[in-house]
Amino acid sequence: MKTMENILDNSHEKTPNTNYKKWAFRLLIYTIIANIAIGIKIASFISAVHDRSDFEMKLLSLEAISWVCFIAGVVFTFLSYHHKEEKNYQYKVSVWGFSILFFLTIIGNYYYSKILGIAG
């Protein structure tokens, strides 16, 4: 039989009803799709055939979408950790995926700056 004391004690043990890990996972997928679209756009660009200003505008738009999804995904992953959500595949893939994307960005920027002669 449930007593009032048991009901009150159990009310504090509920897990939070948040969907941060789900949105972090979705944003990781969107970031990957945007990065693939950027790669395809760059690979298929032919300067003799395509308009350069139109290409740059589309590329800038895709990069902005990718960065917004990346930053929002990192924030949602942190919120999922902070609110102690259940650590299922969505959480684990988001943590690993955003970590890998972050390090790939750092490595890519380093080598790009080496090519331009900016880094020491």
Protein backbone atom coordinates (compact mmCIF):
# COMPACT_ATOMS: atom_id res chain seq x y z
CA MET A 1 0.00 0.00 0.00
CA LYS A 2 1.29 3.41 -0.93
CA THR A 3 1.53 5.88 1.87
CA MET A 4 1.88 9.62 1.52
CA GLU A 5 5.50 9.38 2.66
CA ASN A 6 6.38 6.88 -0.10
CA ILE A 7 4.69 8.99 -2.73
CA LEU A 8 6.56 12.12 -1.65
CA ASP A 9 9.88 10.27 -1.49
CA ASN A 10 9.44 8.84 -4.98
CA SER A 11 8.53 12.20 -6.49
CA HIS A 12 12.10 13.45 -6.06
CA GLU A 13 13.62 10.43 -7.80
CA LYS A 14 12.09 11.09 -11.20
CA THR A 15 14.49 11.54 -14.05
CA PRO A 16 14.24 14.86 -15.84
CA ASN A 17 12.02 14.87 -18.89
CA THR A 18 14.40 16.60 -21.29
CA ASN A 19 15.39 15.82 -24.85
CA TYR A 20 18.83 17.42 -24.99
CA LYS A 21 20.60 14.24 -26.10
CA LYS A 22 18.06 13.71 -28.88
CA TRP A 23 18.60 17.22 -30.23
CA ALA A 24 22.37 16.93 -29.86
CA PHE A 25 22.25 13.73 -31.92
CA ARG A 26 20.06 15.34 -34.58
CA LEU A 27 22.33 18.37 -34.79
CA LEU A 28 25.35 16.09 -35.18
CA ILE A 29 23.64 14.45 -38.16
CA TYR A 30 22.76 17.88 -39.62
CA THR A 31 26.37 19.03 -39.16
CA ILE A 32 27.70 15.95 -40.95
CA ILE A 33 25.20 16.43 -43.80
CA ALA A 34 26.17 20.11 -44.13
CA ASN A 35 29.87 19.21 -44.20
CA ILE A 36 29.27 16.56 -46.86
CA ALA A 37 27.33 19.12 -48.90
CA ILE A 38 30.25 21.56 -48.55
CA GLY A 39 32.67 18.89 -49.76
CA ILE A 40 30.49 18.01 -52.73
CA LYS A 41 30.05 21.68 -53.60
CA ILE A 42 33.80 22.31 -53.51
CA ALA A 43 34.62 19.13 -55.44
CA SER A 44 32.13 19.91 -58.20
CA PHE A 45 33.16 23.57 -58.64
CA ILE A 46 34.66 24.38 -62.02
CA SER A 47 35.78 28.00 -62.25
CA ALA A 48 35.42 28.14 -66.04
CA VAL A 49 31.77 27.08 -65.92
CA HIS A 50 30.34 28.30 -62.60
CA ASP A 51 29.85 31.81 -61.26
CA ARG A 52 32.37 32.41 -58.47
CA SER A 53 30.24 34.87 -56.45
CA ASP A 54 27.23 32.53 -56.49
CA PHE A 55 29.49 29.65 -55.42
CA GLU A 56 30.95 31.69 -52.56
CA MET A 57 27.49 32.71 -51.34
CA LYS A 58 26.21 29.13 -51.34
CA LEU A 59 29.39 27.91 -49.65
CA LEU A 60 29.14 30.62 -46.99
CA SER A 61 25.51 29.67 -46.33
CA LEU A 62 26.39 26.00 -45.92
CA GLU A 63 29.31 26.87 -43.62
CA ALA A 64 27.04 29.04 -41.47
CA ILE A 65 24.49 26.24 -41.18
CA SER A 66 27.26 23.79 -40.29
CA TRP A 67 28.71 26.06 -37.58
CA VAL A 68 25.33 26.86 -36.03
CA CYS A 69 24.45 23.16 -35.88
CA PHE A 70 27.88 22.34 -34.46
CA ILE A 71 27.76 24.96 -31.70
CA ALA A 72 24.13 24.21 -30.81
CA GLY A 73 24.91 20.48 -30.75
CA VAL A 74 27.83 20.99 -28.37
CA VAL A 75 25.60 23.10 -26.11
CA PHE A 76 22.85 20.45 -26.12
CA THR A 77 25.41 17.72 -25.40
CA PHE A 78 26.66 19.71 -22.42
CA LEU A 79 23.08 20.30 -21.21
CA SER A 80 22.39 16.57 -21.51
CA TYR A 81 25.44 15.86 -19.34
CA HIS A 82 24.52 18.64 -16.90
CA HIS A 83 20.94 17.41 -16.45
CA LYS A 84 22.16 13.82 -16.00
CA GLU A 85 20.10 12.36 -18.81
CA GLU A 86 20.28 8.65 -19.52
CA LYS A 87 23.45 7.88 -21.44
CA ASN A 88 22.15 5.91 -24.40
CA TYR A 89 23.52 5.69 -27.96
CA GLN A 90 22.36 9.23 -28.80
CA TYR A 91 24.41 10.71 -25.98
CA LYS A 92 27.50 8.59 -26.67
CA VAL A 93 27.46 9.23 -30.42
CA SER A 94 26.99 12.96 -29.82
CA VAL A 95 29.90 13.18 -27.38
CA TRP A 96 32.24 11.21 -29.65
CA GLY A 97 30.98 12.83 -32.86
CA PHE A 98 31.32 16.42 -31.71
CA SER A 99 34.72 15.65 -30.16
CA ILE A 100 35.98 14.16 -33.42
CA LEU A 101 34.57 17.05 -35.47
CA PHE A 102 36.21 19.54 -33.09
CA PHE A 103 39.64 17.91 -33.41
CA LEU A 104 39.29 17.59 -37.19
CA THR A 105 38.49 21.30 -37.35
CA ILE A 106 41.55 22.17 -35.26
CA ILE A 107 43.83 19.92 -37.34
CA GLY A 108 42.38 21.22 -40.61
CA ASN A 109 42.82 24.85 -39.57
CA TYR A 110 46.40 24.17 -38.48
CA TYR A 111 47.39 22.59 -41.79
CA TYR A 112 45.51 25.21 -43.77
CA SER A 113 47.44 27.94 -41.95
CA LYS A 114 50.70 26.01 -42.64
CA ILE A 115 49.85 26.00 -46.35
CA LEU A 116 49.26 29.75 -46.28
CA GLY A 117 52.45 30.26 -44.26
CA ILE A 118 50.68 31.79 -41.25
CA ALA A 119 51.58 29.21 -38.59
CA GLY A 120 55.08 28.90 -37.20
